[in-house]
Amino acid sequence: MIVLDVIIGGLLTGGIYALLAAGFSLQYGVSRVLNVSHGEFIMLGALAAYSLYVPFGINPLVSLVILGPIFFIIGSLTNRILFERLRRIAGSIEVFEGQSILVSFGLLFIIQNLALLAWGADERGYKFLVIPINLLGSIFAANRLVALSLAVVIGLSFFFFLVRTRLGKAVRAAAQEETGAQLIGVNIQWMHGLCFGFGASLAGFAGVLISTMFTVSPFMGLPYTIIAIIVVVLGGLGNIIGSLVGGLILGLIGSIVLHIEPGLELAVLYILFMLILLIRPKGIFGK
């Protein structure tokens, strides 16, 4: 069942992409921080899950519950210590956006080097639910199906949070029009910290799920940041819901290419990225 292999593989990859891109888009859409260190939080989530499982035997699914709040706090503090202070002294949003990119580049290398000191440069991994499962004639490892299920559950939960809850509507309002959101009573400074925390948590979740399937290392973060940028541009810069859908679309496209010619996967994704910028720079869901 080649079609099923492609669909399941695409949804799995797309679910991971959706999580990491939604966090990236959330941070930019509300805080206006193009956080190029976003992938390092994915890397930290993956290595933290490894460190909890290998020495202590803590199930990675339990790690999601443990690491989610921790990454939320780390993200909120990062915003408060670095970006809120930078926002106050920048003078304008244009200056702030440019300076925040430079600051996040510095943060990328700081986190990466701290991870190198803590875990070393070697790739490492662990076996988790590697039991083969027959699904309609196709064989999948149980860890991949579990990761797919969790990615979908987390993504849908976040989607309904944004669409159905009062706080989620405030997040969307702040992303669409900051001044208008302030006029209706939204505390923008508090919203910046909240969204940076949510973005870091989603990155941490993605890192944990990745660690259950692939080897991890301190150098894994930057490629995922690039993927997040491609997904966000595909869905529409700052459009958080568009990022969730864009991640699934990109995952399916990558899975199709992977089955046709594995060596062309990244090339096709970058070509798609350039075509979107040339043809529809606002993205599929951008207005």
C-alpha atoms as a PDB file:
ATOM      1  CA  MET A   1       0.000   0.000   0.000  1.00  0.00           C
ATOM      2  CA  ILE A   2       2.270   2.739  -1.314  1.00  0.00           C
ATOM      3  CA  VAL A   3      -0.496   5.358  -1.112  1.00  0.00           C
ATOM      4  CA  LEU A   4      -1.070   4.627   2.579  1.00  0.00           C
ATOM      5  CA  ASP A   5       2.682   4.765   3.232  1.00  0.00           C
ATOM      6  CA  VAL A   6       2.836   8.193   1.597  1.00  0.00           C
ATOM      7  CA  ILE A   7      -0.227   9.524   3.439  1.00  0.00           C
ATOM      8  CA  ILE A   8       0.792   8.252   6.891  1.00  0.00           C
ATOM      9  CA  GLY A   9       4.391   9.381   6.392  1.00  0.00           C
ATOM     10  CA  GLY A  10       3.235  12.791   5.160  1.00  0.00           C
ATOM     11  CA  LEU A  11       0.805  13.295   8.028  1.00  0.00           C
ATOM     12  CA  LEU A  12       3.463  12.254  10.541  1.00  0.00           C
ATOM     13  CA  THR A  13       6.042  14.667   9.174  1.00  0.00           C
ATOM     14  CA  GLY A  14       3.395  17.328   8.611  1.00  0.00           C
ATOM     15  CA  GLY A  15       2.129  17.014  12.182  1.00  0.00           C
ATOM     16  CA  ILE A  16       5.630  17.670  13.527  1.00  0.00           C
ATOM     17  CA  TYR A  17       6.073  20.549  11.072  1.00  0.00           C
ATOM     18  CA  ALA A  18       2.711  22.006  12.134  1.00  0.00           C
ATOM     19  CA  LEU A  19       3.687  22.025  15.812  1.00  0.00           C
ATOM     20  CA  LEU A  20       7.054  23.686  15.314  1.00  0.00           C
ATOM     21  CA  ALA A  21       5.707  26.175  12.749  1.00  0.00           C
ATOM     22  CA  ALA A  22       2.693  27.123  14.880  1.00  0.00           C
ATOM     23  CA  GLY A  23       5.022  28.050  17.724  1.00  0.00           C
ATOM     24  CA  PHE A  24       7.267  30.024  15.382  1.00  0.00           C
ATOM     25  CA  SER A  25       4.290  31.813  13.825  1.00  0.00           C
ATOM     26  CA  LEU A  26       2.809  32.546  17.247  1.00  0.00           C
ATOM     27  CA  GLN A  27       5.986  34.287  18.374  1.00  0.00           C
ATOM     28  CA  TYR A  28       6.232  36.360  15.213  1.00  0.00           C
ATOM     29  CA  GLY A  29       2.518  37.019  14.779  1.00  0.00           C
ATOM     30  CA  VAL A  30       2.054  38.470  18.264  1.00  0.00           C
ATOM     31  CA  SER A  31       5.515  39.487  19.488  1.00  0.00           C
ATOM     32  CA  ARG A  32       6.981  40.375  16.058  1.00  0.00           C
ATOM     33  CA  VAL A  33      10.100  38.326  16.855  1.00  0.00           C
ATOM     34  CA  LEU A  34      11.408  36.295  13.905  1.00  0.00           C
ATOM     35  CA  ASN A  35      12.972  33.842  16.309  1.00  0.00           C
ATOM     36  CA  VAL A  36      15.718  32.024  14.404  1.00  0.00           C
ATOM     37  CA  SER A  37      16.658  30.236  17.646  1.00  0.00           C
ATOM     38  CA  HIS A  38      13.287  28.449  17.607  1.00  0.00           C
ATOM     39  CA  GLY A  39      14.847  25.183  16.428  1.00  0.00           C
ATOM     40  CA  GLU A  40      17.129  25.153  19.452  1.00  0.00           C
ATOM     41  CA  PHE A  41      14.100  24.746  21.708  1.00  0.00           C
ATOM     42  CA  ILE A  42      13.160  21.714  19.599  1.00  0.00           C
ATOM     43  CA  MET A  43      16.679  20.404  20.119  1.00  0.00           C
ATOM     44  CA  LEU A  44      16.463  21.006  23.877  1.00  0.00           C
ATOM     45  CA  GLY A  45      13.128  19.193  24.024  1.00  0.00           C
ATOM     46  CA  ALA A  46      14.589  16.191  22.185  1.00  0.00           C
ATOM     47  CA  LEU A  47      17.732  15.999  24.337  1.00  0.00           C
ATOM     48  CA  ALA A  48      15.763  16.540  27.550  1.00  0.00           C
ATOM     49  CA  ALA A  49      13.439  13.650  26.636  1.00  0.00           C
ATOM     50  CA  TYR A  50      16.505  11.488  25.938  1.00  0.00           C
ATOM     51  CA  SER A  51      18.035  12.418  29.301  1.00  0.00           C
ATOM     52  CA  LEU A  52      14.825  11.637  31.157  1.00  0.00           C
ATOM     53  CA  TYR A  53      14.329   8.286  29.422  1.00  0.00           C
ATOM     54  CA  VAL A  54      17.819   6.744  29.245  1.00  0.00           C
ATOM     55  CA  PRO A  55      19.147   7.281  32.794  1.00  0.00           C
ATOM     56  CA  PHE A  56      15.813   7.503  34.672  1.00  0.00           C
ATOM     57  CA  GLY A  57      13.414   5.458  32.540  1.00  0.00           C
ATOM     58  CA  ILE A  58      10.811   8.238  32.338  1.00  0.00           C
ATOM     59  CA  ASN A  59       8.462   7.508  29.445  1.00  0.00           C
ATOM     60  CA  PRO A  60       8.683  10.171  26.685  1.00  0.00           C
ATOM     61  CA  LEU A  61       4.901  10.519  26.821  1.00  0.00           C
ATOM     62  CA  VAL A  62       5.255  11.488  30.476  1.00  0.00           C
ATOM     63  CA  SER A  63       8.085  13.831  29.429  1.00  0.00           C
ATOM     64  CA  LEU A  64       5.560  15.807  27.379  1.00  0.00           C
ATOM     65  CA  VAL A  65       3.669  16.620  30.570  1.00  0.00           C
ATOM     66  CA  ILE A  66       6.853  17.425  32.490  1.00  0.00           C
ATOM     67  CA  LEU A  67       8.622  19.479  29.822  1.00  0.00           C
ATOM     68  CA  GLY A  68       5.614  21.450  28.524  1.00  0.00           C
ATOM     69  CA  PRO A  69       5.312  23.755  31.571  1.00  0.00           C
ATOM     70  CA  ILE A  70       9.112  24.008  31.893  1.00  0.00           C
ATOM     71  CA  PHE A  71       9.479  25.195  28.300  1.00  0.00           C
ATOM     72  CA  PHE A  72       6.577  27.602  28.765  1.00  0.00           C
ATOM     73  CA  ILE A  73       8.421  29.224  31.682  1.00  0.00           C
ATOM     74  CA  ILE A  74      11.718  29.301  29.749  1.00  0.00           C
ATOM     75  CA  GLY A  75      10.008  30.911  26.742  1.00  0.00           C
ATOM     76  CA  SER A  76       8.220  33.511  28.852  1.00  0.00           C
ATOM     77  CA  LEU A  77      11.429  34.410  30.699  1.00  0.00           C
ATOM     78  CA  THR A  78      13.348  34.640  27.407  1.00  0.00           C
ATOM     79  CA  ASN A  79      10.798  37.141  26.136  1.00  0.00           C
ATOM     80  CA  ARG A  80      10.826  39.134  29.381  1.00  0.00           C
ATOM     81  CA  ILE A  81      14.608  39.271  29.788  1.00  0.00           C
ATOM     82  CA  LEU A  82      15.604  39.810  26.154  1.00  0.00           C
ATOM     83  CA  PHE A  83      12.844  40.909  23.828  1.00  0.00           C
ATOM     84  CA  GLU A  84      10.609  43.055  26.043  1.00  0.00           C
ATOM     85  CA  ARG A  85      13.622  45.056  27.150  1.00  0.00           C
ATOM     86  CA  LEU A  86      14.755  45.368  23.522  1.00  0.00           C
ATOM     87  CA  ARG A  87      11.250  46.461  22.517  1.00  0.00           C
ATOM     88  CA  ARG A  88      11.320  49.329  25.025  1.00  0.00           C
ATOM     89  CA  ILE A  89      14.595  50.762  23.746  1.00  0.00           C
ATOM     90  CA  ALA A  90      14.123  50.094  20.001  1.00  0.00           C
ATOM     91  CA  GLY A  91      11.885  53.119  19.356  1.00  0.00           C
ATOM     92  CA  SER A  92       9.886  51.578  16.494  1.00  0.00           C
ATOM     93  CA  ILE A  93       8.570  48.156  15.510  1.00  0.00           C
ATOM     94  CA  GLU A  94      10.728  48.124  12.365  1.00  0.00           C
ATOM     95  CA  VAL A  95      13.919  48.687  14.373  1.00  0.00           C
ATOM     96  CA  PHE A  96      12.796  46.136  16.935  1.00  0.00           C
ATOM     97  CA  GLU A  97      12.170  43.430  14.308  1.00  0.00           C
ATOM     98  CA  GLY A  98      15.653  43.892  12.847  1.00  0.00           C
ATOM     99  CA  GLN A  99      17.363  43.898  16.235  1.00  0.00           C
ATOM    100  CA  SER A 100      15.351  40.925  17.496  1.00  0.00           C
ATOM    101  CA  ILE A 101      16.622  38.781  14.600  1.00  0.00           C
ATOM    102  CA  LEU A 102      20.213  39.583  15.599  1.00  0.00           C
ATOM    103  CA  VAL A 103      19.486  38.845  19.261  1.00  0.00           C
ATOM    104  CA  SER A 104      17.849  35.522  18.400  1.00  0.00           C
ATOM    105  CA  PHE A 105      20.874  34.574  16.288  1.00  0.00           C
ATOM    106  CA  GLY A 106      23.024  35.147  19.363  1.00  0.00           C
ATOM    107  CA  LEU A 107      20.578  33.115  21.446  1.00  0.00           C
ATOM    108  CA  LEU A 108      20.843  30.279  18.902  1.00  0.00           C
ATOM    109  CA  PHE A 109      24.598  29.942  19.394  1.00  0.00           C
ATOM    110  CA  ILE A 110      24.386  30.346  23.174  1.00  0.00           C
ATOM    111  CA  ILE A 111      21.820  27.527  23.488  1.00  0.00           C
ATOM    112  CA  GLN A 112      23.712  25.331  21.030  1.00  0.00           C
ATOM    113  CA  ASN A 113      27.012  25.720  22.866  1.00  0.00           C
ATOM    114  CA  LEU A 114      25.397  25.109  26.258  1.00  0.00           C
ATOM    115  CA  ALA A 115      23.898  21.918  24.814  1.00  0.00           C
ATOM    116  CA  LEU A 116      27.337  20.898  23.507  1.00  0.00           C
ATOM    117  CA  LEU A 117      28.774  21.348  27.002  1.00  0.00           C
ATOM    118  CA  ALA A 118      25.954  19.355  28.577  1.00  0.00           C
ATOM    119  CA  TRP A 119      25.512  16.521  26.065  1.00  0.00           C
ATOM    120  CA  GLY A 120      28.551  16.581  23.783  1.00  0.00           C
ATOM    121  CA  ALA A 121      28.565  16.631  19.982  1.00  0.00           C
ATOM    122  CA  ASP A 122      27.681  12.974  19.343  1.00  0.00           C
ATOM    123  CA  GLU A 123      24.327  11.879  18.007  1.00  0.00           C
ATOM    124  CA  ARG A 124      22.337   9.794  20.441  1.00  0.00           C
ATOM    125  CA  GLY A 125      19.014   8.013  20.514  1.00  0.00           C
ATOM    126  CA  TYR A 126      16.905   5.423  22.277  1.00  0.00           C
ATOM    127  CA  LYS A 127      14.470   2.673  21.318  1.00  0.00           C
ATOM    128  CA  PHE A 128      10.861   3.421  22.118  1.00  0.00           C
ATOM    129  CA  LEU A 129       7.856   1.448  20.852  1.00  0.00           C
ATOM    130  CA  VAL A 130       9.690  -0.012  17.869  1.00  0.00           C
ATOM    131  CA  ILE A 131       7.067  -2.779  17.625  1.00  0.00           C
ATOM    132  CA  PRO A 132       5.902  -3.234  13.988  1.00  0.00           C
ATOM    133  CA  ILE A 133       2.180  -2.708  13.412  1.00  0.00           C
ATOM    134  CA  ASN A 134       0.281  -3.871  10.337  1.00  0.00           C
ATOM    135  CA  LEU A 135      -2.113  -1.158   9.213  1.00  0.00           C
ATOM    136  CA  LEU A 136      -4.212  -2.086   6.162  1.00  0.00           C
ATOM    137  CA  GLY A 137      -1.340  -4.096   4.698  1.00  0.00           C
ATOM    138  CA  SER A 138       1.426  -1.569   5.452  1.00  0.00           C
ATOM    139  CA  ILE A 139       3.935  -1.965   8.277  1.00  0.00           C
ATOM    140  CA  PHE A 140       4.641   0.992  10.564  1.00  0.00           C
ATOM    141  CA  ALA A 141       6.647   1.268  13.762  1.00  0.00           C
ATOM    142  CA  ALA A 142       4.389   1.891  16.744  1.00  0.00           C
ATOM    143  CA  ASN A 143       6.420   4.954  17.777  1.00  0.00           C
ATOM    144  CA  ARG A 144       5.580   6.674  14.485  1.00  0.00           C
ATOM    145  CA  LEU A 145       1.863   6.051  14.853  1.00  0.00           C
ATOM    146  CA  VAL A 146       1.961   7.275  18.467  1.00  0.00           C
ATOM    147  CA  ALA A 147       3.907  10.390  17.423  1.00  0.00           C
ATOM    148  CA  LEU A 148       1.397  11.037  14.625  1.00  0.00           C
ATOM    149  CA  SER A 149      -1.553  10.647  17.009  1.00  0.00           C
ATOM    150  CA  LEU A 150      -0.024  12.964  19.608  1.00  0.00           C
ATOM    151  CA  ALA A 151       0.961  15.569  17.016  1.00  0.00           C
ATOM    152  CA  VAL A 152      -2.624  15.593  15.720  1.00  0.00           C
ATOM    153  CA  VAL A 153      -4.100  15.779  19.245  1.00  0.00           C
ATOM    154  CA  ILE A 154      -1.774  18.617  20.299  1.00  0.00           C
ATOM    155  CA  GLY A 155      -2.317  20.477  17.024  1.00  0.00           C
ATOM    156  CA  LEU A 156      -6.115  20.155  17.183  1.00  0.00           C
ATOM    157  CA  SER A 157      -6.149  21.145  20.862  1.00  0.00           C
ATOM    158  CA  PHE A 158      -4.156  24.262  20.051  1.00  0.00           C
ATOM    159  CA  PHE A 159      -6.446  25.006  17.085  1.00  0.00           C
ATOM    160  CA  PHE A 160      -9.572  24.801  19.246  1.00  0.00           C
ATOM    161  CA  PHE A 161      -7.856  26.884  21.918  1.00  0.00           C
ATOM    162  CA  LEU A 162      -7.286  29.647  19.358  1.00  0.00           C
ATOM    163  CA  VAL A 163     -10.771  29.413  17.832  1.00  0.00           C
ATOM    164  CA  ARG A 164     -13.048  28.630  20.774  1.00  0.00           C
ATOM    165  CA  THR A 165     -11.597  30.158  23.936  1.00  0.00           C
ATOM    166  CA  ARG A 166     -11.659  33.784  25.015  1.00  0.00           C
ATOM    167  CA  LEU A 167      -7.900  33.778  25.558  1.00  0.00           C
ATOM    168  CA  GLY A 168      -7.342  32.215  22.131  1.00  0.00           C
ATOM    169  CA  LYS A 169      -9.433  34.935  20.497  1.00  0.00           C
ATOM    170  CA  ALA A 170      -7.333  37.540  22.319  1.00  0.00           C
ATOM    171  CA  VAL A 171      -4.189  35.915  20.892  1.00  0.00           C
ATOM    172  CA  ARG A 172      -5.627  36.073  17.370  1.00  0.00           C
ATOM    173  CA  ALA A 173      -6.701  39.671  17.882  1.00  0.00           C
ATOM    174  CA  ALA A 174      -3.210  40.653  19.035  1.00  0.00           C
ATOM    175  CA  ALA A 175      -1.696  38.896  16.001  1.00  0.00           C
ATOM    176  CA  GLN A 176      -4.060  40.612  13.539  1.00  0.00           C
ATOM    177  CA  GLU A 177      -4.042  44.160  14.913  1.00  0.00           C
ATOM    178  CA  GLU A 178      -2.103  45.029  18.059  1.00  0.00           C
ATOM    179  CA  THR A 179      -3.491  48.552  18.446  1.00  0.00           C
ATOM    180  CA  GLY A 180      -7.074  47.380  17.984  1.00  0.00           C
ATOM    181  CA  ALA A 181      -6.533  44.582  20.507  1.00  0.00           C
ATOM    182  CA  GLN A 182      -5.269  47.106  23.056  1.00  0.00           C
ATOM    183  CA  LEU A 183      -8.362  49.268  22.509  1.00  0.00           C
ATOM    184  CA  ILE A 184     -10.647  46.367  23.447  1.00  0.00           C
ATOM    185  CA  GLY A 185      -8.701  45.660  26.637  1.00  0.00           C
ATOM    186  CA  VAL A 186      -6.078  43.076  25.656  1.00  0.00           C
ATOM    187  CA  ASN A 187      -2.895  43.388  27.735  1.00  0.00           C
ATOM    188  CA  ILE A 188      -0.338  43.251  24.907  1.00  0.00           C
ATOM    189  CA  GLN A 189       2.757  42.979  27.090  1.00  0.00           C
ATOM    190  CA  TRP A 190       1.263  40.026  28.943  1.00  0.00           C
ATOM    191  CA  MET A 191       0.224  38.524  25.598  1.00  0.00           C
ATOM    192  CA  HIS A 192       3.822  38.717  24.325  1.00  0.00           C
ATOM    193  CA  GLY A 193       5.085  36.602  27.212  1.00  0.00           C
ATOM    194  CA  LEU A 194       2.168  34.183  26.935  1.00  0.00           C
ATOM    195  CA  CYS A 195       2.703  33.578  23.216  1.00  0.00           C
ATOM    196  CA  PHE A 196       6.464  33.211  23.557  1.00  0.00           C
ATOM    197  CA  GLY A 197       5.842  30.636  26.264  1.00  0.00           C
ATOM    198  CA  PHE A 198       3.311  28.759  24.102  1.00  0.00           C
ATOM    199  CA  GLY A 199       5.730  28.838  21.170  1.00  0.00           C
ATOM    200  CA  ALA A 200       8.533  27.356  23.266  1.00  0.00           C
ATOM    201  CA  SER A 201       6.179  24.654  24.621  1.00  0.00           C
ATOM    202  CA  LEU A 202       5.084  23.624  21.121  1.00  0.00           C
ATOM    203  CA  ALA A 203       8.739  23.446  20.071  1.00  0.00           C
ATOM    204  CA  GLY A 204       9.510  21.308  23.114  1.00  0.00           C
ATOM    205  CA  PHE A 205       6.603  18.984  22.309  1.00  0.00           C
ATOM    206  CA  ALA A 206       7.867  18.591  18.742  1.00  0.00           C
ATOM    207  CA  GLY A 207      11.368  17.830  20.052  1.00  0.00           C
ATOM    208  CA  VAL A 208      10.083  15.086  22.364  1.00  0.00           C
ATOM    209  CA  LEU A 209       8.136  13.439  19.524  1.00  0.00           C
ATOM    210  CA  ILE A 210      11.147  13.646  17.201  1.00  0.00           C
ATOM    211  CA  SER A 211      13.364  11.982  19.822  1.00  0.00           C
ATOM    212  CA  THR A 212      11.112   8.900  19.892  1.00  0.00           C
ATOM    213  CA  MET A 213      11.837   8.232  16.203  1.00  0.00           C
ATOM    214  CA  PHE A 214      15.223   9.708  15.259  1.00  0.00           C
ATOM    215  CA  THR A 215      18.675  10.294  16.706  1.00  0.00           C
ATOM    216  CA  VAL A 216      19.215  13.727  18.211  1.00  0.00           C
ATOM    217  CA  SER A 217      22.174  16.076  18.690  1.00  0.00           C
ATOM    218  CA  PRO A 218      22.917  19.714  19.617  1.00  0.00           C
ATOM    219  CA  PHE A 219      23.189  20.523  15.887  1.00  0.00           C
ATOM    220  CA  MET A 220      19.669  19.448  14.919  1.00  0.00           C
ATOM    221  CA  GLY A 221      17.928  22.765  15.630  1.00  0.00           C
ATOM    222  CA  LEU A 222      18.766  24.984  12.634  1.00  0.00           C
ATOM    223  CA  PRO A 223      17.300  22.689   9.919  1.00  0.00           C
ATOM    224  CA  TYR A 224      14.012  22.661  11.823  1.00  0.00           C
ATOM    225  CA  THR A 225      14.067  26.460  12.054  1.00  0.00           C
ATOM    226  CA  ILE A 226      14.410  26.614   8.265  1.00  0.00           C
ATOM    227  CA  ILE A 227      11.513  24.193   7.866  1.00  0.00           C
ATOM    228  CA  ALA A 228       9.437  26.337  10.240  1.00  0.00           C
ATOM    229  CA  ILE A 229      10.151  29.433   8.127  1.00  0.00           C
ATOM    230  CA  ILE A 230       9.090  27.603   4.937  1.00  0.00           C
ATOM    231  CA  VAL A 231       5.858  26.397   6.578  1.00  0.00           C
ATOM    232  CA  VAL A 232       5.058  29.846   7.982  1.00  0.00           C
ATOM    233  CA  VAL A 233       5.587  31.471   4.569  1.00  0.00           C
ATOM    234  CA  LEU A 234       3.404  28.760   2.995  1.00  0.00           C
ATOM    235  CA  GLY A 235       0.583  29.301   5.495  1.00  0.00           C
ATOM    236  CA  GLY A 236       0.947  33.070   5.679  1.00  0.00           C
ATOM    237  CA  LEU A 237       3.409  35.008   7.831  1.00  0.00           C
ATOM    238  CA  GLY A 238       1.849  35.571  11.242  1.00  0.00           C
ATOM    239  CA  ASN A 239      -1.204  33.404  10.423  1.00  0.00           C
ATOM    240  CA  ILE A 240      -1.097  30.844  13.238  1.00  0.00           C
ATOM    241  CA  ILE A 241      -3.897  28.618  11.939  1.00  0.00           C
ATOM    242  CA  GLY A 242      -2.365  28.806   8.456  1.00  0.00           C
ATOM    243  CA  SER A 243       0.860  27.425   9.925  1.00  0.00           C
ATOM    244  CA  LEU A 244      -0.933  24.358  11.267  1.00  0.00           C
ATOM    245  CA  VAL A 245      -2.453  23.627   7.856  1.00  0.00           C
ATOM    246  CA  GLY A 246       0.739  24.598   6.013  1.00  0.00           C
ATOM    247  CA  GLY A 247       2.726  22.096   8.074  1.00  0.00           C
ATOM    248  CA  LEU A 248       0.441  19.249   7.027  1.00  0.00           C
ATOM    249  CA  ILE A 249       0.609  20.320   3.362  1.00  0.00           C
ATOM    250  CA  LEU A 250       4.401  20.517   3.412  1.00  0.00           C
ATOM    251  CA  GLY A 251       4.644  17.141   5.136  1.00  0.00           C
ATOM    252  CA  LEU A 252       2.498  15.485   2.473  1.00  0.00           C
ATOM    253  CA  ILE A 253       4.489  17.107  -0.353  1.00  0.00           C
ATOM    254  CA  GLY A 254       7.761  15.983   1.248  1.00  0.00           C
ATOM    255  CA  SER A 255       6.450  12.432   1.675  1.00  0.00           C
ATOM    256  CA  ILE A 256       5.449  12.217  -2.009  1.00  0.00           C
ATOM    257  CA  VAL A 257       8.868  13.436  -3.143  1.00  0.00           C
ATOM    258  CA  LEU A 258      10.587  11.098  -0.674  1.00  0.00           C
ATOM    259  CA  HIS A 259       8.927   8.095  -2.295  1.00  0.00           C
ATOM    260  CA  ILE A 260       9.765   9.276  -5.824  1.00  0.00           C
ATOM    261  CA  GLU A 261      13.347  10.471  -5.280  1.00  0.00           C
ATOM    262  CA  PRO A 262      14.630  10.798  -1.660  1.00  0.00           C
ATOM    263  CA  GLY A 263      17.557  13.003  -2.613  1.00  0.00           C
ATOM    264  CA  LEU A 264      15.267  15.730  -3.962  1.00  0.00           C
ATOM    265  CA  GLU A 265      13.111  16.244  -0.857  1.00  0.00           C
ATOM    266  CA  LEU A 266      14.858  19.330   0.517  1.00  0.00           C
ATOM    267  CA  ALA A 267      15.403  20.765  -2.966  1.00  0.00           C
ATOM    268  CA  VAL A 268      11.673  20.557  -3.732  1.00  0.00           C
ATOM    269  CA  LEU A 269      10.784  22.196  -0.400  1.00  0.00           C
ATOM    270  CA  TYR A 270      13.162  25.099  -1.098  1.00  0.00           C
ATOM    271  CA  ILE A 271      11.833  25.466  -4.653  1.00  0.00           C
ATOM    272  CA  LEU A 272       8.301  25.569  -3.236  1.00  0.00           C
ATOM    273  CA  PHE A 273       9.459  28.215  -0.754  1.00  0.00           C
ATOM    274  CA  MET A 274      10.849  30.415  -3.556  1.00  0.00           C
ATOM    275  CA  LEU A 275       7.752  29.956  -5.718  1.00  0.00           C
ATOM    276  CA  ILE A 276       5.485  31.050  -2.874  1.00  0.00           C
ATOM    277  CA  LEU A 277       7.597  34.162  -2.315  1.00  0.00           C
ATOM    278  CA  LEU A 278       7.433  34.993  -6.029  1.00  0.00           C
ATOM    279  CA  ILE A 279       3.802  34.089  -6.762  1.00  0.00           C
ATOM    280  CA  ARG A 280       1.978  34.634  -3.460  1.00  0.00           C
ATOM    281  CA  PRO A 281       4.287  36.223  -0.865  1.00  0.00           C
ATOM    282  CA  LYS A 282       1.409  36.518   1.641  1.00  0.00           C
ATOM    283  CA  GLY A 283       1.058  32.729   1.685  1.00  0.00           C
ATOM    284  CA  ILE A 284      -1.961  30.521   1.066  1.00  0.00           C
ATOM    285  CA  PHE A 285      -3.955  31.890   3.996  1.00  0.00           C
ATOM    286  CA  GLY A 286      -2.471  35.383   4.109  1.00  0.00           C
ATOM    287  CA  LYS A 287      -4.692  38.409   3.598  1.00  0.00           C
END
